[in-house]
Amino acid sequence: MEILMALVVGGLYGTGVYLLLRPTPVKVIIGLAILTNAVNLLIFTAARLTRGHPPIVEETLGRPSYPIADPVPQALVLTAIVIAFGVLAFTLVLFRRAAETTEADNLDEMRTTDT
């Protein structure tokens, strides 16, 4: 399962970087969203995938005899989702304002309007 997830994460990273290098702002924003999803999957994969096991240990057990899920990656991914949403919203507003100011929809054209 980890090998499949590693291939998926690699594909998402490749797609995200490819879209970030495109000259249109829409593709850059989509590439940024794909990269943030790739990072979240990478965190889950690096922490080992455990399906069907709770991240909670009962108080009566000193050391659990059954496998449990690590709750730290889950908390990190929840934090990363919130931060990624904020970055995407900021990027969207930034590109919209830049397009209104420069009256251009292409990043290459926006660069040539600098004085």
C-alpha atoms as a PDB file:
ATOM      1  CA  MET A   1       0.000   0.000   0.000  1.00  0.00           C
ATOM      2  CA  GLU A   2       2.866   2.383   0.782  1.00  0.00           C
ATOM      3  CA  ILE A   3       4.400   1.871  -2.669  1.00  0.00           C
ATOM      4  CA  LEU A   4       1.119   2.741  -4.363  1.00  0.00           C
ATOM      5  CA  MET A   5       0.755   5.857  -2.198  1.00  0.00           C
ATOM      6  CA  ALA A   6       4.359   6.849  -2.951  1.00  0.00           C
ATOM      7  CA  LEU A   7       3.628   6.629  -6.676  1.00  0.00           C
ATOM      8  CA  VAL A   8       0.454   8.677  -6.264  1.00  0.00           C
ATOM      9  CA  VAL A   9       2.297  11.330  -4.242  1.00  0.00           C
ATOM     10  CA  GLY A  10       5.067  11.453  -6.849  1.00  0.00           C
ATOM     11  CA  GLY A  11       2.513  11.870  -9.626  1.00  0.00           C
ATOM     12  CA  LEU A  12       0.764  14.641  -7.720  1.00  0.00           C
ATOM     13  CA  TYR A  13       4.062  16.439  -7.091  1.00  0.00           C
ATOM     14  CA  GLY A  14       4.978  16.190 -10.765  1.00  0.00           C
ATOM     15  CA  THR A  15       1.591  17.459 -11.880  1.00  0.00           C
ATOM     16  CA  GLY A  16       1.617  20.276  -9.337  1.00  0.00           C
ATOM     17  CA  VAL A  17       5.085  21.502 -10.306  1.00  0.00           C
ATOM     18  CA  TYR A  18       4.200  21.294 -14.004  1.00  0.00           C
ATOM     19  CA  LEU A  19       1.095  23.408 -13.453  1.00  0.00           C
ATOM     20  CA  LEU A  20       3.009  25.913 -11.310  1.00  0.00           C
ATOM     21  CA  LEU A  21       5.332  26.566 -14.244  1.00  0.00           C
ATOM     22  CA  ARG A  22       2.470  27.424 -16.644  1.00  0.00           C
ATOM     23  CA  PRO A  23       1.914  31.099 -17.529  1.00  0.00           C
ATOM     24  CA  THR A  24      -1.791  31.279 -16.672  1.00  0.00           C
ATOM     25  CA  PRO A  25      -2.862  32.157 -13.116  1.00  0.00           C
ATOM     26  CA  VAL A  26      -5.658  29.565 -13.063  1.00  0.00           C
ATOM     27  CA  LYS A  27      -3.215  26.736 -13.723  1.00  0.00           C
ATOM     28  CA  VAL A  28      -0.856  28.102 -11.069  1.00  0.00           C
ATOM     29  CA  ILE A  29      -3.648  28.082  -8.485  1.00  0.00           C
ATOM     30  CA  ILE A  30      -4.702  24.544  -9.447  1.00  0.00           C
ATOM     31  CA  GLY A  31      -1.060  23.433  -9.276  1.00  0.00           C
ATOM     32  CA  LEU A  32      -0.739  24.922  -5.797  1.00  0.00           C
ATOM     33  CA  ALA A  33      -3.862  23.056  -4.677  1.00  0.00           C
ATOM     34  CA  ILE A  34      -2.514  19.790  -6.080  1.00  0.00           C
ATOM     35  CA  LEU A  35       0.821  20.333  -4.329  1.00  0.00           C
ATOM     36  CA  THR A  36      -0.872  20.881  -0.977  1.00  0.00           C
ATOM     37  CA  ASN A  37      -2.825  17.651  -1.411  1.00  0.00           C
ATOM     38  CA  ALA A  38       0.410  15.853  -2.285  1.00  0.00           C
ATOM     39  CA  VAL A  39       2.017  17.136   0.913  1.00  0.00           C
ATOM     40  CA  ASN A  40      -0.934  15.900   2.981  1.00  0.00           C
ATOM     41  CA  LEU A  41      -0.739  12.443   1.419  1.00  0.00           C
ATOM     42  CA  LEU A  42       3.026  12.406   1.943  1.00  0.00           C
ATOM     43  CA  ILE A  43       2.574  13.084   5.658  1.00  0.00           C
ATOM     44  CA  PHE A  44       0.050  10.252   5.934  1.00  0.00           C
ATOM     45  CA  THR A  45       2.272   7.867   3.986  1.00  0.00           C
ATOM     46  CA  ALA A  46       5.409   8.727   5.965  1.00  0.00           C
ATOM     47  CA  ALA A  47       3.563   8.032   9.219  1.00  0.00           C
ATOM     48  CA  ARG A  48       2.576   4.553   8.000  1.00  0.00           C
ATOM     49  CA  LEU A  49      -0.953   3.841   6.997  1.00  0.00           C
ATOM     50  CA  THR A  50      -3.006   1.958   9.567  1.00  0.00           C
ATOM     51  CA  ARG A  51      -6.586   1.293   8.573  1.00  0.00           C
ATOM     52  CA  GLY A  52      -9.326   0.345  10.965  1.00  0.00           C
ATOM     53  CA  HIS A  53      -7.392   1.083  14.154  1.00  0.00           C
ATOM     54  CA  PRO A  54      -8.276   3.931  16.510  1.00  0.00           C
ATOM     55  CA  PRO A  55      -5.690   6.528  17.585  1.00  0.00           C
ATOM     56  CA  ILE A  56      -6.945   6.288  21.190  1.00  0.00           C
ATOM     57  CA  VAL A  57      -5.551   4.005  23.883  1.00  0.00           C
ATOM     58  CA  GLU A  58      -7.748   3.045  26.817  1.00  0.00           C
ATOM     59  CA  GLU A  59      -6.676   4.256  30.253  1.00  0.00           C
ATOM     60  CA  THR A  60      -6.570   0.742  31.697  1.00  0.00           C
ATOM     61  CA  LEU A  61      -3.947  -0.395  29.191  1.00  0.00           C
ATOM     62  CA  GLY A  62      -0.384   0.585  29.951  1.00  0.00           C
ATOM     63  CA  ARG A  63       0.852  -0.596  26.576  1.00  0.00           C
ATOM     64  CA  PRO A  64      -1.692  -1.676  23.965  1.00  0.00           C
ATOM     65  CA  SER A  65      -1.401  -5.196  22.589  1.00  0.00           C
ATOM     66  CA  TYR A  66      -3.172  -4.249  19.355  1.00  0.00           C
ATOM     67  CA  PRO A  67      -1.940  -1.824  16.663  1.00  0.00           C
ATOM     68  CA  ILE A  68      -3.051   1.773  16.971  1.00  0.00           C
ATOM     69  CA  ALA A  69      -2.947   4.719  14.582  1.00  0.00           C
ATOM     70  CA  ASP A  70      -0.580   7.614  15.255  1.00  0.00           C
ATOM     71  CA  PRO A  71      -2.649  10.767  15.954  1.00  0.00           C
ATOM     72  CA  VAL A  72       0.197  13.247  15.293  1.00  0.00           C
ATOM     73  CA  PRO A  73       0.116  12.998  11.460  1.00  0.00           C
ATOM     74  CA  GLN A  74      -3.647  13.429  11.549  1.00  0.00           C
ATOM     75  CA  ALA A  75      -3.252  16.653  13.529  1.00  0.00           C
ATOM     76  CA  LEU A  76      -0.490  17.853  11.195  1.00  0.00           C
ATOM     77  CA  VAL A  77      -2.634  17.238   8.128  1.00  0.00           C
ATOM     78  CA  LEU A  78      -5.601  19.073   9.645  1.00  0.00           C
ATOM     79  CA  THR A  79      -3.325  22.050  10.314  1.00  0.00           C
ATOM     80  CA  ALA A  80      -1.880  21.829   6.800  1.00  0.00           C
ATOM     81  CA  ILE A  81      -5.370  21.845   5.277  1.00  0.00           C
ATOM     82  CA  VAL A  82      -6.253  25.083   7.067  1.00  0.00           C
ATOM     83  CA  ILE A  83      -2.962  26.742   6.110  1.00  0.00           C
ATOM     84  CA  ALA A  84      -3.293  25.595   2.493  1.00  0.00           C
ATOM     85  CA  PHE A  85      -6.797  27.049   2.288  1.00  0.00           C
ATOM     86  CA  GLY A  86      -5.492  30.392   3.530  1.00  0.00           C
ATOM     87  CA  VAL A  87      -2.610  30.381   1.054  1.00  0.00           C
ATOM     88  CA  LEU A  88      -4.931  29.481  -1.828  1.00  0.00           C
ATOM     89  CA  ALA A  89      -7.365  32.238  -0.897  1.00  0.00           C
ATOM     90  CA  PHE A  90      -4.518  34.762  -0.683  1.00  0.00           C
ATOM     91  CA  THR A  91      -3.090  33.624  -4.032  1.00  0.00           C
ATOM     92  CA  LEU A  92      -6.490  33.870  -5.685  1.00  0.00           C
ATOM     93  CA  VAL A  93      -7.006  37.428  -4.428  1.00  0.00           C
ATOM     94  CA  LEU A  94      -3.443  38.393  -5.359  1.00  0.00           C
ATOM     95  CA  PHE A  95      -3.802  37.120  -8.931  1.00  0.00           C
ATOM     96  CA  ARG A  96      -7.203  38.774  -9.293  1.00  0.00           C
ATOM     97  CA  ARG A  97      -5.866  42.115  -8.127  1.00  0.00           C
ATOM     98  CA  ALA A  98      -2.804  41.812 -10.360  1.00  0.00           C
ATOM     99  CA  ALA A  99      -5.002  40.998 -13.360  1.00  0.00           C
ATOM    100  CA  GLU A 100      -7.221  44.009 -12.660  1.00  0.00           C
ATOM    101  CA  THR A 101      -4.245  46.337 -12.274  1.00  0.00           C
ATOM    102  CA  THR A 102      -2.250  45.173 -15.288  1.00  0.00           C
ATOM    103  CA  GLU A 103      -5.244  44.239 -17.457  1.00  0.00           C
ATOM    104  CA  ALA A 104      -3.410  41.056 -18.434  1.00  0.00           C
ATOM    105  CA  ASP A 105      -4.326  37.421 -17.900  1.00  0.00           C
ATOM    106  CA  ASN A 106      -0.895  35.962 -18.635  1.00  0.00           C
ATOM    107  CA  LEU A 107       1.954  35.954 -16.122  1.00  0.00           C
ATOM    108  CA  ASP A 108       4.481  36.740 -18.855  1.00  0.00           C
ATOM    109  CA  GLU A 109       2.473  39.806 -19.861  1.00  0.00           C
ATOM    110  CA  MET A 110       2.235  40.881 -16.220  1.00  0.00           C
ATOM    111  CA  ARG A 111       6.013  40.778 -15.947  1.00  0.00           C
ATOM    112  CA  THR A 112       6.487  43.079 -18.963  1.00  0.00           C
ATOM    113  CA  THR A 113       4.200  45.757 -17.486  1.00  0.00           C
ATOM    114  CA  ASP A 114       6.644  46.505 -14.655  1.00  0.00           C
ATOM    115  CA  THR A 115       8.170  49.971 -14.816  1.00  0.00           C
END
